[in-house]
Amino acid sequence: QEQLVESGGGLVQAGGSLRLSCTASGFTLYYTNIGWFRQAPGKEREGVSCISRQDRSIYYADSVKGRFIISRDNAKNTVYLQMNTLKPEDTAVYYCAADYFGGSCRLDRAVQTKWGQGTQVTVSS
């Protein structure tokens, strides 16, 4: 059974940092496009960052550029999202997603193959 599990969410003050983890079982993340998405109450799920298979390319949404960093640890079969200088508007449920088929990653909900369960991030002011 293929699974993605997110962890690392929590409550943090504005200006603080969190590191989210996305760990896969049943498949190898190095050969998979991985994206981070988030959904705030009353809003659509939006792309945050993604990393392409074999690290071909990395993309960030304009809203997080310069603050968030996506990376892989191949030995742990895990993708991380380091979130710095957090703002209240970053509050959302964060999801990781795998795209098995694309040549490069896309910040597009429609092309994702597998989703994790989500982890809550709350940034207080």
C-alpha atoms as a PDB file:
ATOM      1  CA  GLN A   1       0.000   0.000   0.000  1.00  0.00           C
ATOM      2  CA  GLU A   2       1.438   3.381  -1.055  1.00  0.00           C
ATOM      3  CA  GLN A   3       1.207   6.151   1.537  1.00  0.00           C
ATOM      4  CA  LEU A   4       2.295   9.736   2.182  1.00  0.00           C
ATOM      5  CA  VAL A   5       2.374  11.001   5.764  1.00  0.00           C
ATOM      6  CA  GLU A   6       2.916  14.645   6.769  1.00  0.00           C
ATOM      7  CA  SER A   7       4.179  15.765  10.155  1.00  0.00           C
ATOM      8  CA  GLY A   8       5.657  18.830  11.836  1.00  0.00           C
ATOM      9  CA  GLY A   9       2.680  21.165  11.975  1.00  0.00           C
ATOM     10  CA  GLY A  10       1.719  23.095  15.059  1.00  0.00           C
ATOM     11  CA  LEU A  11       1.197  26.502  16.621  1.00  0.00           C
ATOM     12  CA  VAL A  12       3.862  29.175  16.159  1.00  0.00           C
ATOM     13  CA  GLN A  13       4.077  32.942  16.616  1.00  0.00           C
ATOM     14  CA  ALA A  14       4.463  35.275  13.663  1.00  0.00           C
ATOM     15  CA  GLY A  15       8.102  35.440  12.631  1.00  0.00           C
ATOM     16  CA  GLY A  16       8.809  31.913  13.794  1.00  0.00           C
ATOM     17  CA  SER A  17       9.702  28.761  11.889  1.00  0.00           C
ATOM     18  CA  LEU A  18       8.434  25.233  11.359  1.00  0.00           C
ATOM     19  CA  ARG A  19       9.723  22.298   9.341  1.00  0.00           C
ATOM     20  CA  LEU A  20       7.182  20.008   7.735  1.00  0.00           C
ATOM     21  CA  SER A  21       8.038  16.455   6.707  1.00  0.00           C
ATOM     22  CA  CYS A  22       6.477  14.256   4.039  1.00  0.00           C
ATOM     23  CA  THR A  23       7.524  10.620   4.284  1.00  0.00           C
ATOM     24  CA  ALA A  24       6.604   8.013   1.686  1.00  0.00           C
ATOM     25  CA  SER A  25       6.135   4.278   1.987  1.00  0.00           C
ATOM     26  CA  GLY A  26       5.670   1.886  -0.900  1.00  0.00           C
ATOM     27  CA  PHE A  27       7.460   4.062  -3.484  1.00  0.00           C
ATOM     28  CA  THR A  28      10.640   6.108  -3.882  1.00  0.00           C
ATOM     29  CA  LEU A  29      10.319   9.885  -3.670  1.00  0.00           C
ATOM     30  CA  TYR A  30      13.540  10.548  -5.593  1.00  0.00           C
ATOM     31  CA  TYR A  31      11.812   9.393  -8.783  1.00  0.00           C
ATOM     32  CA  THR A  32       8.593  11.271  -8.041  1.00  0.00           C
ATOM     33  CA  ASN A  33       7.476  14.891  -8.368  1.00  0.00           C
ATOM     34  CA  ILE A  34       6.459  16.154  -4.927  1.00  0.00           C
ATOM     35  CA  GLY A  35       4.395  19.229  -4.149  1.00  0.00           C
ATOM     36  CA  TRP A  36       3.325  21.033  -1.001  1.00  0.00           C
ATOM     37  CA  PHE A  37      -0.161  22.555  -0.987  1.00  0.00           C
ATOM     38  CA  ARG A  38      -2.187  24.374   1.633  1.00  0.00           C
ATOM     39  CA  GLN A  39      -5.832  25.119   2.284  1.00  0.00           C
ATOM     40  CA  ALA A  40      -7.110  27.810   4.622  1.00  0.00           C
ATOM     41  CA  PRO A  41     -10.724  27.871   5.866  1.00  0.00           C
ATOM     42  CA  GLY A  42     -13.066  29.052   3.135  1.00  0.00           C
ATOM     43  CA  LYS A  43     -10.352  29.060   0.469  1.00  0.00           C
ATOM     44  CA  GLU A  44      -9.300  26.755  -2.338  1.00  0.00           C
ATOM     45  CA  ARG A  45      -6.290  24.495  -1.984  1.00  0.00           C
ATOM     46  CA  GLU A  46      -3.261  26.275  -3.438  1.00  0.00           C
ATOM     47  CA  GLY A  47       0.238  25.245  -4.424  1.00  0.00           C
ATOM     48  CA  VAL A  48       3.104  26.338  -2.180  1.00  0.00           C
ATOM     49  CA  SER A  49       6.245  24.646  -3.503  1.00  0.00           C
ATOM     50  CA  CYS A  50       7.293  21.615  -5.499  1.00  0.00           C
ATOM     51  CA  ILE A  51      10.419  19.657  -6.354  1.00  0.00           C
ATOM     52  CA  SER A  52      10.744  17.644  -9.551  1.00  0.00           C
ATOM     53  CA  ARG A  53      11.883  14.067  -9.865  1.00  0.00           C
ATOM     54  CA  GLN A  54      15.659  13.737  -9.562  1.00  0.00           C
ATOM     55  CA  ASP A  55      15.791  17.411  -8.484  1.00  0.00           C
ATOM     56  CA  ARG A  56      15.443  18.683 -12.044  1.00  0.00           C
ATOM     57  CA  SER A  57      13.637  21.839 -10.905  1.00  0.00           C
ATOM     58  CA  ILE A  58      12.112  23.577  -7.893  1.00  0.00           C
ATOM     59  CA  TYR A  59       9.237  26.068  -7.809  1.00  0.00           C
ATOM     60  CA  TYR A  60       7.796  28.369  -5.152  1.00  0.00           C
ATOM     61  CA  ALA A  61       4.613  30.360  -5.043  1.00  0.00           C
ATOM     62  CA  ASP A  62       5.265  34.102  -4.990  1.00  0.00           C
ATOM     63  CA  SER A  63       3.719  34.349  -1.536  1.00  0.00           C
ATOM     64  CA  VAL A  64       6.435  32.150   0.032  1.00  0.00           C
ATOM     65  CA  LYS A  65       9.456  32.904  -2.149  1.00  0.00           C
ATOM     66  CA  GLY A  66      12.459  33.789   0.002  1.00  0.00           C
ATOM     67  CA  ARG A  67      10.869  32.372   3.164  1.00  0.00           C
ATOM     68  CA  PHE A  68      10.274  28.664   2.460  1.00  0.00           C
ATOM     69  CA  ILE A  69      12.743  26.003   1.295  1.00  0.00           C
ATOM     70  CA  ILE A  70      11.895  22.578  -0.128  1.00  0.00           C
ATOM     71  CA  SER A  71      14.438  19.741   0.034  1.00  0.00           C
ATOM     72  CA  ARG A  72      14.849  15.955  -0.030  1.00  0.00           C
ATOM     73  CA  ASP A  73      16.577  13.400   2.168  1.00  0.00           C
ATOM     74  CA  ASN A  74      16.795  10.378  -0.087  1.00  0.00           C
ATOM     75  CA  ALA A  75      18.064   8.061   2.653  1.00  0.00           C
ATOM     76  CA  LYS A  76      14.921   8.773   4.681  1.00  0.00           C
ATOM     77  CA  ASN A  77      12.581   8.853   1.658  1.00  0.00           C
ATOM     78  CA  THR A  78      11.364  12.208   2.927  1.00  0.00           C
ATOM     79  CA  VAL A  79      10.691  15.670   1.476  1.00  0.00           C
ATOM     80  CA  TYR A  80      10.842  18.673   3.797  1.00  0.00           C
ATOM     81  CA  LEU A  81       9.333  22.128   3.733  1.00  0.00           C
ATOM     82  CA  GLN A  82      11.299  24.531   5.914  1.00  0.00           C
ATOM     83  CA  MET A  83       9.040  27.505   6.663  1.00  0.00           C
ATOM     84  CA  ASN A  84      10.697  30.663   7.989  1.00  0.00           C
ATOM     85  CA  THR A  85       9.407  34.128   8.876  1.00  0.00           C
ATOM     86  CA  LEU A  86       5.893  32.767   9.183  1.00  0.00           C
ATOM     87  CA  LYS A  87       2.921  35.105   8.847  1.00  0.00           C
ATOM     88  CA  PRO A  88      -0.677  34.731  10.055  1.00  0.00           C
ATOM     89  CA  GLU A  89      -1.765  34.363   6.429  1.00  0.00           C
ATOM     90  CA  ASP A  90       0.299  31.148   6.258  1.00  0.00           C
ATOM     91  CA  THR A  91      -2.237  29.506   8.588  1.00  0.00           C
ATOM     92  CA  ALA A  92      -3.697  26.488   6.782  1.00  0.00           C
ATOM     93  CA  VAL A  93      -3.761  22.727   6.555  1.00  0.00           C
ATOM     94  CA  TYR A  94      -0.652  21.723   4.618  1.00  0.00           C
ATOM     95  CA  TYR A  95      -0.662  18.686   2.334  1.00  0.00           C
ATOM     96  CA  CYS A  96       2.041  16.921   0.386  1.00  0.00           C
ATOM     97  CA  ALA A  97       1.220  15.275  -2.911  1.00  0.00           C
ATOM     98  CA  ALA A  98       2.978  12.962  -5.346  1.00  0.00           C
ATOM     99  CA  ASP A  99       2.779  13.105  -9.136  1.00  0.00           C
ATOM    100  CA  TYR A 100       3.922   9.771 -10.553  1.00  0.00           C
ATOM    101  CA  PHE A 101       3.692  10.662 -14.246  1.00  0.00           C
ATOM    102  CA  GLY A 102       4.880  14.195 -15.019  1.00  0.00           C
ATOM    103  CA  GLY A 103       8.352  14.994 -16.255  1.00  0.00           C
ATOM    104  CA  SER A 104       8.522  17.996 -13.923  1.00  0.00           C
ATOM    105  CA  CYS A 105       6.485  19.091 -10.932  1.00  0.00           C
ATOM    106  CA  ARG A 106       3.547  21.467 -11.200  1.00  0.00           C
ATOM    107  CA  LEU A 107       1.711  23.504  -8.569  1.00  0.00           C
ATOM    108  CA  ASP A 108      -1.577  22.142  -9.871  1.00  0.00           C
ATOM    109  CA  ARG A 109      -4.030  20.059  -7.837  1.00  0.00           C
ATOM    110  CA  ALA A 110      -5.330  18.296 -10.927  1.00  0.00           C
ATOM    111  CA  VAL A 111      -2.110  16.458 -11.836  1.00  0.00           C
ATOM    112  CA  GLN A 112      -1.381  14.956  -8.418  1.00  0.00           C
ATOM    113  CA  THR A 113      -1.647  11.176  -8.033  1.00  0.00           C
ATOM    114  CA  LYS A 114      -1.447  10.661  -4.262  1.00  0.00           C
ATOM    115  CA  TRP A 115      -2.180  12.943  -1.294  1.00  0.00           C
ATOM    116  CA  GLY A 116      -1.209  12.845   2.351  1.00  0.00           C
ATOM    117  CA  GLN A 117      -3.661  13.422   5.183  1.00  0.00           C
ATOM    118  CA  GLY A 118      -2.561  16.988   5.955  1.00  0.00           C
ATOM    119  CA  THR A 119      -1.038  18.719   8.963  1.00  0.00           C
ATOM    120  CA  GLN A 120      -2.330  21.901  10.612  1.00  0.00           C
ATOM    121  CA  VAL A 121      -0.133  25.005  10.755  1.00  0.00           C
ATOM    122  CA  THR A 122      -1.399  27.906  12.848  1.00  0.00           C
ATOM    123  CA  VAL A 123       0.495  31.210  13.008  1.00  0.00           C
ATOM    124  CA  SER A 124      -0.589  33.622  15.714  1.00  0.00           C
ATOM    125  CA  SER A 125      -0.080  37.388  15.711  1.00  0.00           C
END
